[in-house]
Amino acid sequence: MVTVPYRENSALHHTPGTPAPLGPTRMAPRSPEAEEARNDRARFSLAVYALRRSNARRRVLRFLAREGSSYPSFIARNMGLDLPATLGALRGLGERYTADLSLVGLQLVQEVEPVSRGSRTKVYEITDAGRAFWRAYAEIYRSDSE
């Protein structure tokens, strides 16, 4: 049996001469509010990572923050992007634009039903969370948001 030396200022408060408890100490469970705040910070940092990696994602989100909703081809034409890059930024496309880091995958943008029911073209609009994220992102990273 290995004994751990007793330390005067130990926060573990064990009896001198007995081994100190090994392993992690048990932490109190987090409240639902604290867990939600932690998840929000994780989602925010993942979204920042995605926007810092892709100029197309950043430009598409900026366009939708200004315009509200639009068709992918209209976004591409107005932002000077090609259509595959715009679709990749919106919903992911192959290996270059992964679906989990897309604007739809990050829940910053959502697909909405097109005006005409027979149309196969999707309309994308920014969510409330996406608008709030863009405001915070633009405040922090001014040079990227202009």
N, C-alpha and C. Protein backbone atom coordinates (compact mmCIF):
# COMPACT_ATOMS: atom_id res chain seq x y z
N MET A 1 0.84 -1.18 0.00
CA MET A 1 0.00 0.00 0.00
C MET A 1 0.89 1.24 0.00
N VAL A 2 0.57 2.15 -0.88
CA VAL A 2 1.33 3.39 -0.99
C VAL A 2 0.60 4.46 -0.22
N THR A 3 1.31 5.17 0.62
CA THR A 3 0.68 6.27 1.35
C THR A 3 1.13 7.58 0.76
N VAL A 4 0.23 8.49 0.72
CA VAL A 4 0.51 9.83 0.21
C VAL A 4 0.79 10.71 1.42
N PRO A 5 1.87 11.47 1.40
CA PRO A 5 2.18 12.30 2.57
C PRO A 5 1.10 13.34 2.82
N TYR A 6 0.89 13.60 4.08
CA TYR A 6 -0.10 14.58 4.50
C TYR A 6 0.46 15.98 4.28
N ARG A 7 -0.40 16.84 3.74
CA ARG A 7 -0.01 18.24 3.55
C ARG A 7 -0.85 19.10 4.48
N GLU A 8 -0.20 20.07 5.09
CA GLU A 8 -0.88 20.93 6.06
C GLU A 8 -2.07 21.68 5.44
N ASN A 9 -1.90 22.21 4.24
CA ASN A 9 -2.93 23.05 3.63
C ASN A 9 -3.82 22.29 2.67
N SER A 10 -3.97 21.02 2.88
CA SER A 10 -4.76 20.20 1.97
C SER A 10 -6.24 20.56 2.08
N ALA A 11 -6.87 20.66 0.95
CA ALA A 11 -8.30 20.93 0.93
C ALA A 11 -9.11 19.66 1.12
N LEU A 12 -8.43 18.51 1.13
CA LEU A 12 -9.13 17.24 1.23
C LEU A 12 -9.49 16.89 2.67
N HIS A 13 -8.82 17.48 3.65
CA HIS A 13 -9.09 17.30 5.07
C HIS A 13 -9.16 15.81 5.45
N HIS A 14 -8.08 15.12 5.28
CA HIS A 14 -8.04 13.74 5.72
C HIS A 14 -7.14 13.62 6.94
N THR A 15 -7.25 12.54 7.63
CA THR A 15 -6.51 12.32 8.87
C THR A 15 -5.04 12.08 8.56
N PRO A 16 -4.13 12.72 9.32
CA PRO A 16 -2.70 12.49 9.10
C PRO A 16 -2.35 11.02 9.25
N GLY A 17 -1.52 10.56 8.36
CA GLY A 17 -1.08 9.17 8.41
C GLY A 17 -1.94 8.23 7.58
N THR A 18 -3.11 8.67 7.12
CA THR A 18 -3.95 7.85 6.26
C THR A 18 -3.74 8.29 4.82
N PRO A 19 -3.93 7.39 3.87
CA PRO A 19 -3.72 7.78 2.49
C PRO A 19 -4.76 8.80 2.03
N ALA A 20 -4.31 9.73 1.21
CA ALA A 20 -5.22 10.72 0.65
C ALA A 20 -6.10 10.05 -0.39
N PRO A 21 -7.33 10.49 -0.53
CA PRO A 21 -8.20 9.90 -1.54
C PRO A 21 -7.62 10.13 -2.93
N LEU A 22 -7.69 9.11 -3.77
CA LEU A 22 -7.17 9.21 -5.12
C LEU A 22 -8.32 9.40 -6.11
N GLY A 23 -7.99 9.94 -7.25
CA GLY A 23 -8.99 10.11 -8.30
C GLY A 23 -9.66 11.46 -8.20
N PRO A 24 -10.51 11.74 -9.17
CA PRO A 24 -11.16 13.05 -9.20
C PRO A 24 -12.18 13.18 -8.08
N THR A 25 -12.33 14.38 -7.61
CA THR A 25 -13.35 14.62 -6.59
C THR A 25 -14.69 14.74 -7.28
N ARG A 26 -15.71 14.38 -6.59
CA ARG A 26 -17.06 14.44 -7.16
C ARG A 26 -17.53 15.89 -7.16
N MET A 27 -17.98 16.35 -8.32
CA MET A 27 -18.45 17.73 -8.44
C MET A 27 -19.96 17.74 -8.33
N ALA A 28 -20.48 18.84 -7.88
CA ALA A 28 -21.93 18.99 -7.79
C ALA A 28 -22.50 19.05 -9.21
N PRO A 29 -23.67 18.48 -9.42
CA PRO A 29 -24.25 18.53 -10.76
C PRO A 29 -24.56 19.97 -11.15
N ARG A 30 -24.43 20.23 -12.46
CA ARG A 30 -24.71 21.58 -12.96
C ARG A 30 -26.21 21.80 -13.05
N SER A 31 -26.60 23.03 -12.87
CA SER A 31 -28.01 23.36 -13.04
C SER A 31 -28.32 23.38 -14.54
N PRO A 32 -29.59 23.22 -14.92
CA PRO A 32 -29.94 23.26 -16.34
C PRO A 32 -29.55 24.58 -17.01
N GLU A 33 -29.64 25.67 -16.25
CA GLU A 33 -29.27 26.97 -16.81
C GLU A 33 -27.77 27.04 -17.10
N ALA A 34 -26.98 26.50 -16.17
CA ALA A 34 -25.52 26.51 -16.37
C ALA A 34 -25.14 25.61 -17.53
N GLU A 35 -25.82 24.48 -17.67
CA GLU A 35 -25.54 23.57 -18.78
C GLU A 35 -25.92 24.21 -20.11
N GLU A 36 -27.04 24.91 -20.14
CA GLU A 36 -27.47 25.60 -21.36
C GLU A 36 -26.50 26.70 -21.74
N ALA A 37 -26.01 27.45 -20.76
CA ALA A 37 -25.03 28.50 -21.03
C ALA A 37 -23.74 27.90 -21.58
N ARG A 38 -23.34 26.76 -21.04
CA ARG A 38 -22.14 26.09 -21.53
C ARG A 38 -22.33 25.63 -22.97
N ASN A 39 -23.50 25.08 -23.29
CA ASN A 39 -23.80 24.66 -24.66
C ASN A 39 -23.84 25.85 -25.61
N ASP A 40 -24.39 26.98 -25.15
CA ASP A 40 -24.43 28.18 -25.99
C ASP A 40 -23.01 28.66 -26.32
N ARG A 41 -22.13 28.64 -25.33
CA ARG A 41 -20.74 29.05 -25.57
C ARG A 41 -20.06 28.12 -26.56
N ALA A 42 -20.35 26.83 -26.46
CA ALA A 42 -19.76 25.85 -27.38
C ALA A 42 -20.28 26.08 -28.80
N ARG A 43 -21.59 26.32 -28.94
CA ARG A 43 -22.15 26.58 -30.27
C ARG A 43 -21.59 27.87 -30.85
N PHE A 44 -21.44 28.90 -30.02
CA PHE A 44 -20.89 30.18 -30.48
C PHE A 44 -19.47 30.00 -30.98
N SER A 45 -18.65 29.27 -30.22
CA SER A 45 -17.26 29.09 -30.64
C SER A 45 -17.17 28.23 -31.89
N LEU A 46 -18.05 27.26 -32.06
CA LEU A 46 -18.06 26.46 -33.29
C LEU A 46 -18.48 27.30 -34.48
N ALA A 47 -19.47 28.17 -34.29
CA ALA A 47 -19.90 29.05 -35.38
C ALA A 47 -18.80 30.04 -35.75
N VAL A 48 -18.11 30.57 -34.77
CA VAL A 48 -16.99 31.48 -35.05
C VAL A 48 -15.91 30.74 -35.84
N TYR A 49 -15.62 29.51 -35.44
CA TYR A 49 -14.64 28.69 -36.14
C TYR A 49 -15.06 28.50 -37.61
N ALA A 50 -16.33 28.18 -37.83
CA ALA A 50 -16.81 27.95 -39.19
C ALA A 50 -16.73 29.22 -40.04
N LEU A 51 -17.09 30.36 -39.47
CA LEU A 51 -17.04 31.61 -40.23
C LEU A 51 -15.62 32.08 -40.47
N ARG A 52 -14.72 31.84 -39.55
CA ARG A 52 -13.32 32.23 -39.75
C ARG A 52 -12.65 31.36 -40.81
N ARG A 53 -13.14 30.12 -40.98
CA ARG A 53 -12.56 29.21 -41.97
C ARG A 53 -13.05 29.49 -43.38
N SER A 54 -14.22 30.08 -43.54
CA SER A 54 -14.82 30.20 -44.87
C SER A 54 -15.31 31.62 -45.14
N ASN A 55 -14.72 32.23 -46.14
CA ASN A 55 -15.16 33.54 -46.58
C ASN A 55 -16.57 33.46 -47.16
N ALA A 56 -16.90 32.37 -47.83
CA ALA A 56 -18.24 32.21 -48.41
C ALA A 56 -19.30 32.16 -47.32
N ARG A 57 -19.08 31.41 -46.26
CA ARG A 57 -20.06 31.36 -45.15
C ARG A 57 -20.27 32.74 -44.56
N ARG A 58 -19.17 33.45 -44.37
CA ARG A 58 -19.24 34.79 -43.78
C ARG A 58 -20.04 35.73 -44.68
N ARG A 59 -19.77 35.70 -45.97
CA ARG A 59 -20.44 36.60 -46.91
C ARG A 59 -21.93 36.27 -47.05
N VAL A 60 -22.25 34.97 -47.08
CA VAL A 60 -23.65 34.56 -47.19
C VAL A 60 -24.42 34.97 -45.94
N LEU A 61 -23.85 34.75 -44.76
CA LEU A 61 -24.54 35.14 -43.53
C LEU A 61 -24.70 36.65 -43.45
N ARG A 62 -23.69 37.40 -43.87
CA ARG A 62 -23.81 38.86 -43.89
C ARG A 62 -24.94 39.30 -44.81
N PHE A 63 -25.03 38.68 -45.99
CA PHE A 63 -26.09 39.02 -46.94
C PHE A 63 -27.47 38.74 -46.35
N LEU A 64 -27.62 37.55 -45.75
CA LEU A 64 -28.92 37.20 -45.17
C LEU A 64 -29.25 38.06 -43.94
N ALA A 65 -28.25 38.50 -43.21
CA ALA A 65 -28.50 39.39 -42.07
C ALA A 65 -29.05 40.74 -42.56
N ARG A 66 -28.61 41.15 -43.73
CA ARG A 66 -29.10 42.42 -44.28
C ARG A 66 -30.44 42.27 -45.00
N GLU A 67 -30.60 41.17 -45.75
CA GLU A 67 -31.76 41.00 -46.61
C GLU A 67 -32.89 40.17 -45.99
N GLY A 68 -32.58 39.29 -45.06
CA GLY A 68 -33.60 38.46 -44.43
C GLY A 68 -33.68 37.08 -45.03
N SER A 69 -34.16 36.96 -46.27
CA SER A 69 -34.26 35.66 -46.93
C SER A 69 -34.03 35.84 -48.42
N SER A 70 -33.59 34.74 -49.07
CA SER A 70 -33.32 34.82 -50.49
C SER A 70 -33.07 33.43 -51.07
N TYR A 71 -33.02 33.37 -52.40
CA TYR A 71 -32.68 32.16 -53.13
C TYR A 71 -31.16 32.04 -53.22
N PRO A 72 -30.62 30.83 -53.26
CA PRO A 72 -29.17 30.66 -53.37
C PRO A 72 -28.55 31.34 -54.59
N SER A 73 -29.24 31.26 -55.74
CA SER A 73 -28.68 31.89 -56.94
C SER A 73 -28.64 33.41 -56.81
N PHE A 74 -29.63 33.99 -56.15
CA PHE A 74 -29.64 35.44 -55.96
C PHE A 74 -28.53 35.86 -55.00
N ILE A 75 -28.32 35.07 -53.95
CA ILE A 75 -27.23 35.34 -53.00
C ILE A 75 -25.89 35.27 -53.72
N ALA A 76 -25.70 34.21 -54.52
CA ALA A 76 -24.44 34.02 -55.24
C ALA A 76 -24.16 35.18 -56.18
N ARG A 77 -25.17 35.59 -56.92
CA ARG A 77 -25.01 36.68 -57.89
C ARG A 77 -24.67 38.00 -57.19
N ASN A 78 -25.34 38.29 -56.09
CA ASN A 78 -25.11 39.56 -55.40
C ASN A 78 -23.82 39.60 -54.59
N MET A 79 -23.35 38.44 -54.15
CA MET A 79 -22.13 38.41 -53.35
C MET A 79 -20.89 38.09 -54.18
N GLY A 80 -21.07 37.84 -55.47
CA GLY A 80 -19.93 37.54 -56.32
C GLY A 80 -19.35 36.16 -56.07
N LEU A 81 -20.18 35.22 -55.65
CA LEU A 81 -19.75 33.85 -55.40
C LEU A 81 -20.31 32.94 -56.48
N ASP A 82 -19.69 31.79 -56.69
CA ASP A 82 -20.30 30.82 -57.59
C ASP A 82 -21.36 30.03 -56.81
N LEU A 83 -22.28 29.42 -57.53
CA LEU A 83 -23.41 28.74 -56.90
C LEU A 83 -22.98 27.56 -56.01
N PRO A 84 -22.02 26.71 -56.44
CA PRO A 84 -21.60 25.63 -55.53
C PRO A 84 -21.03 26.13 -54.20
N ALA A 85 -20.30 27.22 -54.22
CA ALA A 85 -19.77 27.77 -52.97
C ALA A 85 -20.89 28.29 -52.09
N THR A 86 -21.88 28.90 -52.69
CA THR A 86 -23.02 29.41 -51.93
C THR A 86 -23.82 28.26 -51.32
N LEU A 87 -24.09 27.21 -52.12
CA LEU A 87 -24.82 26.05 -51.60
C LEU A 87 -24.01 25.34 -50.52
N GLY A 88 -22.71 25.27 -50.70
CA GLY A 88 -21.86 24.67 -49.68
C GLY A 88 -21.88 25.45 -48.39
N ALA A 89 -21.86 26.76 -48.48
CA ALA A 89 -21.92 27.59 -47.28
C ALA A 89 -23.27 27.43 -46.59
N LEU A 90 -24.33 27.31 -47.36
CA LEU A 90 -25.67 27.21 -46.78
C LEU A 90 -25.93 25.85 -46.16
N ARG A 91 -25.70 24.77 -46.92
CA ARG A 91 -26.11 23.46 -46.42
C ARG A 91 -25.03 22.39 -46.47
N GLY A 92 -23.85 22.73 -46.88
CA GLY A 92 -22.77 21.76 -46.98
C GLY A 92 -22.74 21.13 -48.36
N LEU A 93 -21.54 20.82 -48.83
CA LEU A 93 -21.40 20.25 -50.16
C LEU A 93 -20.06 19.54 -50.23
N GLY A 94 -20.09 18.23 -50.09
CA GLY A 94 -18.86 17.45 -50.20
C GLY A 94 -17.92 17.65 -49.03
N GLU A 95 -16.63 17.52 -49.32
CA GLU A 95 -15.62 17.61 -48.26
C GLU A 95 -15.21 19.05 -47.95
N ARG A 96 -15.30 19.91 -48.94
CA ARG A 96 -14.86 21.29 -48.73
C ARG A 96 -15.77 22.04 -47.76
N TYR A 97 -17.06 21.86 -47.93
CA TYR A 97 -18.04 22.49 -47.03
C TYR A 97 -18.80 21.37 -46.34
N THR A 98 -18.44 21.06 -45.10
CA THR A 98 -19.11 19.97 -44.39
C THR A 98 -20.48 20.43 -43.89
N ALA A 99 -21.41 19.49 -43.83
CA ALA A 99 -22.79 19.81 -43.44
C ALA A 99 -22.89 20.29 -42.00
N ASP A 100 -22.05 19.75 -41.11
CA ASP A 100 -22.15 20.16 -39.70
C ASP A 100 -21.62 21.57 -39.46
N LEU A 101 -20.76 22.07 -40.35
CA LEU A 101 -20.27 23.45 -40.23
C LEU A 101 -20.99 24.40 -41.18
N SER A 102 -22.02 23.92 -41.88
CA SER A 102 -22.79 24.78 -42.77
C SER A 102 -23.67 25.71 -41.94
N LEU A 103 -24.18 26.74 -42.57
CA LEU A 103 -25.02 27.69 -41.84
C LEU A 103 -26.32 27.04 -41.38
N VAL A 104 -26.86 26.12 -42.19
CA VAL A 104 -28.06 25.39 -41.77
C VAL A 104 -27.70 24.42 -40.64
N GLY A 105 -26.56 23.74 -40.75
CA GLY A 105 -26.14 22.81 -39.71
C GLY A 105 -25.87 23.48 -38.38
N LEU A 106 -25.42 24.74 -38.42
CA LEU A 106 -25.18 25.51 -37.21
C LEU A 106 -26.44 26.20 -36.69
N GLN A 107 -27.54 26.03 -37.41
CA GLN A 107 -28.84 26.61 -37.08
C GLN A 107 -28.82 28.13 -37.08
N LEU A 108 -27.98 28.70 -37.93
CA LEU A 108 -27.96 30.15 -38.11
C LEU A 108 -28.89 30.56 -39.24
N VAL A 109 -29.16 29.62 -40.14
CA VAL A 109 -30.02 29.84 -41.30
C VAL A 109 -30.95 28.64 -41.39
N GLN A 110 -32.17 28.86 -41.93
CA GLN A 110 -33.10 27.75 -42.11
C GLN A 110 -33.69 27.79 -43.51
N GLU A 111 -34.07 26.60 -43.99
CA GLU A 111 -34.77 26.50 -45.26
C GLU A 111 -36.24 26.80 -45.00
N VAL A 112 -36.86 27.56 -45.88
CA VAL A 112 -38.29 27.82 -45.77
C VAL A 112 -38.95 27.37 -47.06
N GLU A 113 -40.25 27.17 -47.00
CA GLU A 113 -40.99 26.74 -48.18
C GLU A 113 -40.98 27.84 -49.23
N PRO A 114 -40.72 27.47 -50.49
CA PRO A 114 -40.77 28.48 -51.54
C PRO A 114 -42.19 29.00 -51.74
N VAL A 115 -42.31 30.16 -52.37
CA VAL A 115 -43.61 30.79 -52.56
C VAL A 115 -44.51 29.91 -53.43
N SER A 116 -43.99 29.41 -54.55
CA SER A 116 -44.80 28.53 -55.41
C SER A 116 -44.56 27.08 -55.00
N ARG A 117 -45.60 26.34 -54.80
CA ARG A 117 -45.50 24.97 -54.28
C ARG A 117 -44.77 24.02 -55.23
N GLY A 118 -44.84 24.23 -56.51
CA GLY A 118 -44.21 23.33 -57.46
C GLY A 118 -42.72 23.58 -57.65
N SER A 119 -42.21 24.64 -57.07
CA SER A 119 -40.81 25.02 -57.25
C SER A 119 -39.90 24.12 -56.43
N ARG A 120 -38.77 23.72 -57.06
CA ARG A 120 -37.78 22.91 -56.34
C ARG A 120 -36.70 23.78 -55.71
N THR A 121 -36.69 25.06 -56.04
CA THR A 121 -35.70 25.96 -55.50
C THR A 121 -36.01 26.27 -54.05
N LYS A 122 -35.01 26.17 -53.21
CA LYS A 122 -35.18 26.42 -51.78
C LYS A 122 -34.94 27.91 -51.49
N VAL A 123 -35.63 28.40 -50.49
CA VAL A 123 -35.42 29.76 -50.00
C VAL A 123 -34.79 29.61 -48.62
N TYR A 124 -33.79 30.42 -48.35
CA TYR A 124 -33.10 30.38 -47.07
C TYR A 124 -33.29 31.71 -46.36
N GLU A 125 -33.55 31.64 -45.05
CA GLU A 125 -33.66 32.86 -44.26
C GLU A 125 -32.86 32.71 -42.98
N ILE A 126 -32.41 33.84 -42.47
CA ILE A 126 -31.62 33.84 -41.24
C ILE A 126 -32.56 33.64 -40.05
N THR A 127 -32.12 32.89 -39.08
CA THR A 127 -32.91 32.66 -37.87
C THR A 127 -32.65 33.80 -36.88
N ASP A 128 -33.46 33.84 -35.84
CA ASP A 128 -33.23 34.85 -34.79
C ASP A 128 -31.87 34.63 -34.13
N ALA A 129 -31.52 33.36 -33.91
CA ALA A 129 -30.21 33.05 -33.33
C ALA A 129 -29.09 33.46 -34.28
N GLY A 130 -29.31 33.28 -35.58
CA GLY A 130 -28.33 33.69 -36.57
C GLY A 130 -28.13 35.20 -36.61
N ARG A 131 -29.23 35.92 -36.48
CA ARG A 131 -29.14 37.40 -36.47
C ARG A 131 -28.40 37.88 -35.22
N ALA A 132 -28.72 37.28 -34.07
CA ALA A 132 -28.03 37.66 -32.82
C ALA A 132 -26.55 37.29 -32.90
N PHE A 133 -26.27 36.11 -33.46
CA PHE A 133 -24.87 35.70 -33.63
C PHE A 133 -24.14 36.67 -34.54
N TRP A 134 -24.75 37.06 -35.65
CA TRP A 134 -24.07 37.95 -36.58
C TRP A 134 -23.76 39.30 -35.92
N ARG A 135 -24.69 39.81 -35.13
CA ARG A 135 -24.43 41.09 -34.43
C ARG A 135 -23.24 40.96 -33.50
N ALA A 136 -23.17 39.88 -32.74
CA ALA A 136 -22.05 39.66 -31.82
C ALA A 136 -20.76 39.44 -32.60
N TYR A 137 -20.82 38.66 -33.66
CA TYR A 137 -19.63 38.38 -34.48
C TYR A 137 -19.11 39.67 -35.12
N ALA A 138 -20.03 40.48 -35.66
CA ALA A 138 -19.63 41.72 -36.32
C ALA A 138 -19.00 42.69 -35.33
N GLU A 139 -19.47 42.66 -34.09
CA GLU A 139 -18.91 43.53 -33.06
C GLU A 139 -17.49 43.10 -32.69
N ILE A 140 -17.28 41.79 -32.59
CA ILE A 140 -15.98 41.27 -32.18
C ILE A 140 -14.98 41.33 -33.33
N TYR A 141 -15.39 40.90 -34.51
CA TYR A 141 -14.50 40.81 -35.67
C TYR A 141 -14.90 41.84 -36.72
N ARG A 142 -14.71 43.10 -36.43
CA ARG A 142 -15.13 44.16 -37.34
C ARG A 142 -14.51 44.05 -38.71
N SER A 143 -13.25 43.70 -38.81
CA SER A 143 -12.59 43.65 -40.12
C SER A 143 -13.17 42.54 -41.00
N ASP A 144 -13.65 41.44 -40.39
CA ASP A 144 -14.23 40.35 -41.17
C ASP A 144 -15.65 40.64 -41.61
N SER A 145 -16.37 41.46 -40.88
CA SER A 145 -17.78 41.66 -41.14
C SER A 145 -18.07 42.78 -42.12
N GLU A 146 -17.07 43.47 -42.57
CA GLU A 146 -17.29 44.58 -43.50
C GLU A 146 -17.08 44.16 -44.91
